[in-house]
């Protein structure tokens, strides 16, 4: 019995040691995600969530079935961070309506001035409290890092993924993306698939971060409108 306890402890230590080797990778993942999030989100929270998931995975890892531990764990760790962001539930029913109103005004302003309006401008136009405008924009920014096929749910009260198969939603998204301009498609690919930050995409495409952000939001609106229809 004592030998069994020693072996269990040895196994647990080995598993934890495996997890510890990849803490820098978790921190790098959290940092890259944080670059695309508002300042109100603490990177340390993301690291903590990712590390906890990494340790759980190390204790379930079977090297005979998976060649690389990080290859096995990477998507699951990233998924745990996204789950944490979803759990914040920052979009109430009222703020969903406000975000939609803000999106409309931002699009209209951007088409004229080639830059996003200030929070003060939006507060005046929408006759809303400035703090509410700030919080609604923060909430919307959080949801931009969630996988693109889930974007519809972020601003709608229903759950589109419960109403139709996930594969059907993905197929709809692909069809919508195929109708976009080459630049729009490239922005979406770099932002959602390659997970580049706005500043990195700006360097690649030689356009402003504000313009990239606006292209992303316009594409998401097209997807929401199509799925909603």
C-alpha atoms as a PDB file:
ATOM      1  CA  UNK A   1       0.000   0.000   0.000  1.00  0.00           C
ATOM      2  CA  UNK A   2       2.857   2.332   0.872  1.00  0.00           C
ATOM      3  CA  UNK A   3       4.551   1.530  -2.442  1.00  0.00           C
ATOM      4  CA  UNK A   4       1.319   2.317  -4.286  1.00  0.00           C
ATOM      5  CA  UNK A   5       1.070   5.704  -2.538  1.00  0.00           C
ATOM      6  CA  UNK A   6       4.671   6.495  -3.443  1.00  0.00           C
ATOM      7  CA  UNK A   7       4.022   5.612  -7.074  1.00  0.00           C
ATOM      8  CA  UNK A   8       0.878   7.750  -7.183  1.00  0.00           C
ATOM      9  CA  UNK A   9       2.802  10.681  -5.731  1.00  0.00           C
ATOM     10  CA  UNK A  10       5.639  10.148  -8.232  1.00  0.00           C
ATOM     11  CA  UNK A  11       3.137  10.048 -11.088  1.00  0.00           C
ATOM     12  CA  UNK A  12       1.425  13.217  -9.873  1.00  0.00           C
ATOM     13  CA  UNK A  13       4.787  15.015  -9.535  1.00  0.00           C
ATOM     14  CA  UNK A  14       5.778  13.929 -13.049  1.00  0.00           C
ATOM     15  CA  UNK A  15       2.491  15.187 -14.459  1.00  0.00           C
ATOM     16  CA  UNK A  16       2.838  18.521 -12.687  1.00  0.00           C
ATOM     17  CA  UNK A  17       6.412  18.815 -13.918  1.00  0.00           C
ATOM     18  CA  UNK A  18       5.154  18.272 -17.474  1.00  0.00           C
ATOM     19  CA  UNK A  19       2.628  21.068 -17.017  1.00  0.00           C
ATOM     20  CA  UNK A  20       5.219  23.446 -15.551  1.00  0.00           C
ATOM     21  CA  UNK A  21       7.351  23.143 -18.681  1.00  0.00           C
ATOM     22  CA  UNK A  22       4.575  24.795 -20.695  1.00  0.00           C
ATOM     23  CA  UNK A  23       3.699  27.668 -18.357  1.00  0.00           C
ATOM     24  CA  UNK A  24       5.680  30.103 -20.587  1.00  0.00           C
ATOM     25  CA  UNK A  25       3.579  28.945 -23.546  1.00  0.00           C
ATOM     26  CA  UNK A  26       0.393  29.600 -21.561  1.00  0.00           C
ATOM     27  CA  UNK A  27       1.632  33.081 -20.649  1.00  0.00           C
ATOM     28  CA  UNK A  28       2.449  33.788 -24.305  1.00  0.00           C
ATOM     29  CA  UNK A  29      -1.041  32.627 -25.316  1.00  0.00           C
ATOM     30  CA  UNK A  30      -2.655  34.818 -22.650  1.00  0.00           C
ATOM     31  CA  UNK A  31      -0.550  37.823 -23.700  1.00  0.00           C
ATOM     32  CA  UNK A  32      -1.521  37.415 -27.356  1.00  0.00           C
ATOM     33  CA  UNK A  33      -5.188  37.174 -26.393  1.00  0.00           C
ATOM     34  CA  UNK A  34      -4.887  40.146 -24.034  1.00  0.00           C
ATOM     35  CA  UNK A  35      -3.553  42.298 -26.888  1.00  0.00           C
ATOM     36  CA  UNK A  36      -6.980  41.978 -28.499  1.00  0.00           C
ATOM     37  CA  UNK A  37      -8.984  42.693 -25.347  1.00  0.00           C
ATOM     38  CA  UNK A  38      -9.922  45.887 -23.468  1.00  0.00           C
ATOM     39  CA  UNK A  39      -7.675  47.006 -20.611  1.00  0.00           C
ATOM     40  CA  UNK A  40     -10.289  45.998 -18.011  1.00  0.00           C
ATOM     41  CA  UNK A  41      -9.432  42.310 -18.565  1.00  0.00           C
ATOM     42  CA  UNK A  42      -6.512  41.197 -16.391  1.00  0.00           C
ATOM     43  CA  UNK A  43      -3.950  39.040 -18.185  1.00  0.00           C
ATOM     44  CA  UNK A  44      -3.100  37.304 -14.889  1.00  0.00           C
ATOM     45  CA  UNK A  45      -6.650  35.967 -14.751  1.00  0.00           C
ATOM     46  CA  UNK A  46      -6.207  34.466 -18.205  1.00  0.00           C
ATOM     47  CA  UNK A  47      -2.861  32.917 -17.184  1.00  0.00           C
ATOM     48  CA  UNK A  48      -4.420  31.469 -14.032  1.00  0.00           C
ATOM     49  CA  UNK A  49      -7.329  29.928 -15.951  1.00  0.00           C
ATOM     50  CA  UNK A  50      -4.990  28.529 -18.606  1.00  0.00           C
ATOM     51  CA  UNK A  51      -2.554  27.107 -16.045  1.00  0.00           C
ATOM     52  CA  UNK A  52      -5.334  25.392 -14.122  1.00  0.00           C
ATOM     53  CA  UNK A  53      -6.555  23.763 -17.329  1.00  0.00           C
ATOM     54  CA  UNK A  54      -2.987  22.801 -18.268  1.00  0.00           C
ATOM     55  CA  UNK A  55      -2.503  20.942 -14.972  1.00  0.00           C
ATOM     56  CA  UNK A  56      -5.803  19.089 -15.409  1.00  0.00           C
ATOM     57  CA  UNK A  57      -4.767  18.076 -18.917  1.00  0.00           C
ATOM     58  CA  UNK A  58      -1.316  16.902 -17.787  1.00  0.00           C
ATOM     59  CA  UNK A  59      -3.011  14.459 -15.405  1.00  0.00           C
ATOM     60  CA  UNK A  60      -5.125  13.019 -18.221  1.00  0.00           C
ATOM     61  CA  UNK A  61      -2.410  13.008 -20.873  1.00  0.00           C
ATOM     62  CA  UNK A  62      -1.529   9.673 -22.475  1.00  0.00           C
ATOM     63  CA  UNK A  63       1.750   9.849 -24.372  1.00  0.00           C
ATOM     64  CA  UNK A  64       0.909   6.616 -26.218  1.00  0.00           C
ATOM     65  CA  UNK A  65      -2.047   8.328 -27.901  1.00  0.00           C
ATOM     66  CA  UNK A  66      -0.588  11.824 -28.443  1.00  0.00           C
ATOM     67  CA  UNK A  67       2.920  12.592 -29.664  1.00  0.00           C
ATOM     68  CA  UNK A  68       3.068  16.123 -28.272  1.00  0.00           C
ATOM     69  CA  UNK A  69       1.622  17.274 -24.955  1.00  0.00           C
ATOM     70  CA  UNK A  70       1.353  20.897 -26.095  1.00  0.00           C
ATOM     71  CA  UNK A  71      -0.234  19.785 -29.346  1.00  0.00           C
ATOM     72  CA  UNK A  72      -2.790  17.916 -27.234  1.00  0.00           C
ATOM     73  CA  UNK A  73      -3.285  20.749 -24.728  1.00  0.00           C
ATOM     74  CA  UNK A  74      -3.013  23.948 -26.783  1.00  0.00           C
ATOM     75  CA  UNK A  75      -6.584  24.205 -28.112  1.00  0.00           C
ATOM     76  CA  UNK A  76      -8.060  23.125 -24.783  1.00  0.00           C
ATOM     77  CA  UNK A  77      -6.067  25.742 -22.858  1.00  0.00           C
ATOM     78  CA  UNK A  78      -7.094  28.452 -25.308  1.00  0.00           C
ATOM     79  CA  UNK A  79     -10.678  27.210 -25.051  1.00  0.00           C
ATOM     80  CA  UNK A  80     -10.606  27.531 -21.257  1.00  0.00           C
ATOM     81  CA  UNK A  81      -9.595  31.191 -21.587  1.00  0.00           C
ATOM     82  CA  UNK A  82     -12.410  31.845 -24.064  1.00  0.00           C
ATOM     83  CA  UNK A  83     -14.859  30.078 -21.740  1.00  0.00           C
ATOM     84  CA  UNK A  84     -13.751  32.426 -18.969  1.00  0.00           C
ATOM     85  CA  UNK A  85     -14.429  35.458 -21.184  1.00  0.00           C
ATOM     86  CA  UNK A  86     -17.866  34.086 -22.067  1.00  0.00           C
ATOM     87  CA  UNK A  87     -18.619  33.537 -18.386  1.00  0.00           C
ATOM     88  CA  UNK A  88     -18.169  37.248 -17.663  1.00  0.00           C
ATOM     89  CA  UNK A  89     -21.610  37.727 -19.271  1.00  0.00           C
ATOM     90  CA  UNK A  90     -20.955  41.414 -19.809  1.00  0.00           C
ATOM     91  CA  UNK A  91     -23.800  41.886 -22.285  1.00  0.00           C
ATOM     92  CA  UNK A  92     -27.152  42.380 -20.598  1.00  0.00           C
ATOM     93  CA  UNK A  93     -30.329  42.699 -22.662  1.00  0.00           C
ATOM     94  CA  UNK A  94     -30.129  46.489 -22.443  1.00  0.00           C
ATOM     95  CA  UNK A  95     -26.466  46.666 -23.421  1.00  0.00           C
ATOM     96  CA  UNK A  96     -27.085  44.379 -26.409  1.00  0.00           C
ATOM     97  CA  UNK A  97     -29.472  46.990 -27.763  1.00  0.00           C
ATOM     98  CA  UNK A  98     -26.995  49.744 -26.980  1.00  0.00           C
ATOM     99  CA  UNK A  99     -24.134  47.896 -28.704  1.00  0.00           C
ATOM    100  CA  UNK A 100     -26.243  47.562 -31.848  1.00  0.00           C
ATOM    101  CA  UNK A 101     -27.037  51.273 -31.745  1.00  0.00           C
ATOM    102  CA  UNK A 102     -23.358  52.090 -31.225  1.00  0.00           C
ATOM    103  CA  UNK A 103     -22.376  49.820 -34.148  1.00  0.00           C
ATOM    104  CA  UNK A 104     -24.757  51.702 -36.425  1.00  0.00           C
ATOM    105  CA  UNK A 105     -23.498  55.140 -35.392  1.00  0.00           C
ATOM    106  CA  UNK A 106     -19.842  54.078 -35.596  1.00  0.00           C
ATOM    107  CA  UNK A 107     -20.343  52.728 -39.125  1.00  0.00           C
ATOM    108  CA  UNK A 108     -22.080  55.902 -40.242  1.00  0.00           C
ATOM    109  CA  UNK A 109     -19.404  58.134 -38.701  1.00  0.00           C
ATOM    110  CA  UNK A 110     -16.527  56.018 -40.043  1.00  0.00           C
ATOM    111  CA  UNK A 111     -17.834  56.113 -43.621  1.00  0.00           C
ATOM    112  CA  UNK A 112     -17.638  59.909 -43.482  1.00  0.00           C
ATOM    113  CA  UNK A 113     -14.559  60.562 -41.366  1.00  0.00           C
ATOM    114  CA  UNK A 114     -12.448  57.393 -41.812  1.00  0.00           C
ATOM    115  CA  UNK A 115     -12.047  57.065 -38.052  1.00  0.00           C
ATOM    116  CA  UNK A 116     -14.149  55.912 -35.120  1.00  0.00           C
ATOM    117  CA  UNK A 117     -16.113  58.514 -33.151  1.00  0.00           C
ATOM    118  CA  UNK A 118     -15.274  59.304 -29.542  1.00  0.00           C
ATOM    119  CA  UNK A 119     -17.322  57.953 -26.648  1.00  0.00           C
ATOM    120  CA  UNK A 120     -18.425  61.520 -25.946  1.00  0.00           C
ATOM    121  CA  UNK A 121     -19.808  61.873 -29.478  1.00  0.00           C
ATOM    122  CA  UNK A 122     -21.718  58.595 -29.176  1.00  0.00           C
ATOM    123  CA  UNK A 123     -23.118  59.556 -25.779  1.00  0.00           C
ATOM    124  CA  UNK A 124     -24.444  62.800 -27.246  1.00  0.00           C
ATOM    125  CA  UNK A 125     -25.893  61.261 -30.422  1.00  0.00           C
ATOM    126  CA  UNK A 126     -27.541  58.354 -28.592  1.00  0.00           C
ATOM    127  CA  UNK A 127     -28.547  60.434 -25.588  1.00  0.00           C
ATOM    128  CA  UNK A 128     -26.897  57.936 -23.249  1.00  0.00           C
ATOM    129  CA  UNK A 129     -24.740  58.159 -20.155  1.00  0.00           C
ATOM    130  CA  UNK A 130     -21.019  58.263 -21.034  1.00  0.00           C
ATOM    131  CA  UNK A 131     -20.175  55.391 -18.655  1.00  0.00           C
ATOM    132  CA  UNK A 132     -22.805  53.190 -20.301  1.00  0.00           C
ATOM    133  CA  UNK A 133     -21.262  53.906 -23.694  1.00  0.00           C
ATOM    134  CA  UNK A 134     -17.808  52.959 -22.398  1.00  0.00           C
ATOM    135  CA  UNK A 135     -19.034  49.715 -20.819  1.00  0.00           C
ATOM    136  CA  UNK A 136     -20.985  48.700 -23.924  1.00  0.00           C
ATOM    137  CA  UNK A 137     -17.939  49.216 -26.141  1.00  0.00           C
ATOM    138  CA  UNK A 138     -15.767  47.206 -23.733  1.00  0.00           C
ATOM    139  CA  UNK A 139     -18.325  44.389 -23.799  1.00  0.00           C
ATOM    140  CA  UNK A 140     -18.375  44.384 -27.589  1.00  0.00           C
ATOM    141  CA  UNK A 141     -14.562  44.291 -27.712  1.00  0.00           C
ATOM    142  CA  UNK A 142     -14.481  41.222 -25.456  1.00  0.00           C
ATOM    143  CA  UNK A 143     -16.718  39.301 -27.828  1.00  0.00           C
ATOM    144  CA  UNK A 144     -14.549  40.020 -30.859  1.00  0.00           C
ATOM    145  CA  UNK A 145     -12.031  37.378 -29.724  1.00  0.00           C
ATOM    146  CA  UNK A 146     -14.681  34.640 -29.588  1.00  0.00           C
ATOM    147  CA  UNK A 147     -14.721  32.287 -32.624  1.00  0.00           C
ATOM    148  CA  UNK A 148     -16.433  33.907 -35.563  1.00  0.00           C
ATOM    149  CA  UNK A 149     -19.242  31.317 -35.832  1.00  0.00           C
ATOM    150  CA  UNK A 150     -20.344  32.252 -32.297  1.00  0.00           C
ATOM    151  CA  UNK A 151     -20.500  35.989 -32.954  1.00  0.00           C
ATOM    152  CA  UNK A 152     -24.232  35.887 -33.687  1.00  0.00           C
ATOM    153  CA  UNK A 153     -24.986  34.735 -30.142  1.00  0.00           C
ATOM    154  CA  UNK A 154     -23.010  37.587 -28.596  1.00  0.00           C
ATOM    155  CA  UNK A 155     -25.564  40.212 -29.534  1.00  0.00           C
ATOM    156  CA  UNK A 156     -28.756  38.146 -29.840  1.00  0.00           C
ATOM    157  CA  UNK A 157     -30.895  36.847 -26.989  1.00  0.00           C
ATOM    158  CA  UNK A 158     -31.507  33.454 -28.596  1.00  0.00           C
ATOM    159  CA  UNK A 159     -28.961  30.713 -29.165  1.00  0.00           C
ATOM    160  CA  UNK A 160     -28.479  30.121 -32.866  1.00  0.00           C
ATOM    161  CA  UNK A 161     -26.312  27.066 -32.157  1.00  0.00           C
ATOM    162  CA  UNK A 162     -29.274  25.404 -30.404  1.00  0.00           C
ATOM    163  CA  UNK A 163     -31.581  26.141 -33.309  1.00  0.00           C
ATOM    164  CA  UNK A 164     -29.433  24.663 -36.048  1.00  0.00           C
ATOM    165  CA  UNK A 165     -26.439  22.383 -36.338  1.00  0.00           C
ATOM    166  CA  UNK A 166     -22.991  23.858 -35.713  1.00  0.00           C
ATOM    167  CA  UNK A 167     -21.836  22.649 -39.126  1.00  0.00           C
ATOM    168  CA  UNK A 168     -24.694  24.513 -40.807  1.00  0.00           C
ATOM    169  CA  UNK A 169     -23.700  27.734 -39.083  1.00  0.00           C
ATOM    170  CA  UNK A 170     -20.095  27.278 -40.183  1.00  0.00           C
ATOM    171  CA  UNK A 171     -21.271  26.631 -43.744  1.00  0.00           C
ATOM    172  CA  UNK A 172     -23.311  29.850 -43.658  1.00  0.00           C
ATOM    173  CA  UNK A 173     -20.329  31.797 -42.339  1.00  0.00           C
ATOM    174  CA  UNK A 174     -18.096  30.423 -45.110  1.00  0.00           C
ATOM    175  CA  UNK A 175     -20.609  31.442 -47.776  1.00  0.00           C
ATOM    176  CA  UNK A 176     -20.824  34.954 -46.352  1.00  0.00           C
ATOM    177  CA  UNK A 177     -17.049  35.290 -46.181  1.00  0.00           C
ATOM    178  CA  UNK A 178     -16.742  34.216 -49.823  1.00  0.00           C
ATOM    179  CA  UNK A 179     -18.779  37.295 -50.844  1.00  0.00           C
ATOM    180  CA  UNK A 180     -16.381  39.715 -49.142  1.00  0.00           C
ATOM    181  CA  UNK A 181     -13.613  41.663 -50.808  1.00  0.00           C
ATOM    182  CA  UNK A 182     -10.113  40.219 -50.780  1.00  0.00           C
ATOM    183  CA  UNK A 183      -9.005  42.733 -48.137  1.00  0.00           C
ATOM    184  CA  UNK A 184     -11.969  41.964 -45.890  1.00  0.00           C
ATOM    185  CA  UNK A 185     -11.280  38.243 -46.142  1.00  0.00           C
ATOM    186  CA  UNK A 186      -7.622  38.824 -45.328  1.00  0.00           C
ATOM    187  CA  UNK A 187      -8.459  40.922 -42.264  1.00  0.00           C
ATOM    188  CA  UNK A 188     -10.782  38.185 -40.960  1.00  0.00           C
ATOM    189  CA  UNK A 189      -8.192  35.487 -41.640  1.00  0.00           C
ATOM    190  CA  UNK A 190      -5.396  37.350 -39.867  1.00  0.00           C
ATOM    191  CA  UNK A 191      -7.550  38.398 -36.913  1.00  0.00           C
ATOM    192  CA  UNK A 192      -9.608  35.273 -36.212  1.00  0.00           C
ATOM    193  CA  UNK A 193      -7.532  32.441 -37.681  1.00  0.00           C
ATOM    194  CA  UNK A 194      -3.951  33.670 -37.368  1.00  0.00           C
ATOM    195  CA  UNK A 195      -4.903  35.575 -34.170  1.00  0.00           C
ATOM    196  CA  UNK A 196      -2.754  38.597 -34.980  1.00  0.00           C
ATOM    197  CA  UNK A 197      -3.267  41.778 -32.987  1.00  0.00           C
ATOM    198  CA  UNK A 198      -4.578  44.944 -34.635  1.00  0.00           C
ATOM    199  CA  UNK A 199      -1.096  46.470 -34.612  1.00  0.00           C
ATOM    200  CA  UNK A 200       0.385  43.377 -36.319  1.00  0.00           C
ATOM    201  CA  UNK A 201      -2.314  43.375 -39.008  1.00  0.00           C
ATOM    202  CA  UNK A 202      -1.762  47.097 -39.504  1.00  0.00           C
ATOM    203  CA  UNK A 203       1.897  46.434 -40.305  1.00  0.00           C
ATOM    204  CA  UNK A 204       1.048  43.590 -42.697  1.00  0.00           C
ATOM    205  CA  UNK A 205      -1.672  45.415 -44.645  1.00  0.00           C
ATOM    206  CA  UNK A 206      -0.438  49.000 -44.176  1.00  0.00           C
ATOM    207  CA  UNK A 207      -3.833  50.285 -43.016  1.00  0.00           C
ATOM    208  CA  UNK A 208      -4.787  51.861 -39.705  1.00  0.00           C
ATOM    209  CA  UNK A 209      -5.835  49.818 -36.678  1.00  0.00           C
ATOM    210  CA  UNK A 210      -9.083  51.780 -36.624  1.00  0.00           C
ATOM    211  CA  UNK A 211      -9.853  50.724 -40.196  1.00  0.00           C
ATOM    212  CA  UNK A 212      -9.064  47.072 -39.408  1.00  0.00           C
ATOM    213  CA  UNK A 213     -11.334  47.167 -36.377  1.00  0.00           C
ATOM    214  CA  UNK A 214     -14.129  48.659 -38.454  1.00  0.00           C
ATOM    215  CA  UNK A 215     -13.755  46.062 -41.233  1.00  0.00           C
ATOM    216  CA  UNK A 216     -13.977  43.292 -38.632  1.00  0.00           C
ATOM    217  CA  UNK A 217     -17.115  44.760 -37.075  1.00  0.00           C
ATOM    218  CA  UNK A 218     -18.767  45.282 -40.469  1.00  0.00           C
ATOM    219  CA  UNK A 219     -18.123  41.655 -41.420  1.00  0.00           C
ATOM    220  CA  UNK A 220     -19.582  40.422 -38.130  1.00  0.00           C
ATOM    221  CA  UNK A 221     -22.680  42.544 -38.747  1.00  0.00           C
ATOM    222  CA  UNK A 222     -23.090  40.991 -42.191  1.00  0.00           C
ATOM    223  CA  UNK A 223     -22.851  37.521 -40.657  1.00  0.00           C
ATOM    224  CA  UNK A 224     -25.341  38.339 -37.902  1.00  0.00           C
ATOM    225  CA  UNK A 225     -27.772  39.828 -40.426  1.00  0.00           C
ATOM    226  CA  UNK A 226     -27.522  36.799 -42.718  1.00  0.00           C
ATOM    227  CA  UNK A 227     -27.942  34.247 -39.916  1.00  0.00           C
ATOM    228  CA  UNK A 228     -30.749  36.257 -38.376  1.00  0.00           C
ATOM    229  CA  UNK A 229     -32.564  36.277 -41.704  1.00  0.00           C
END
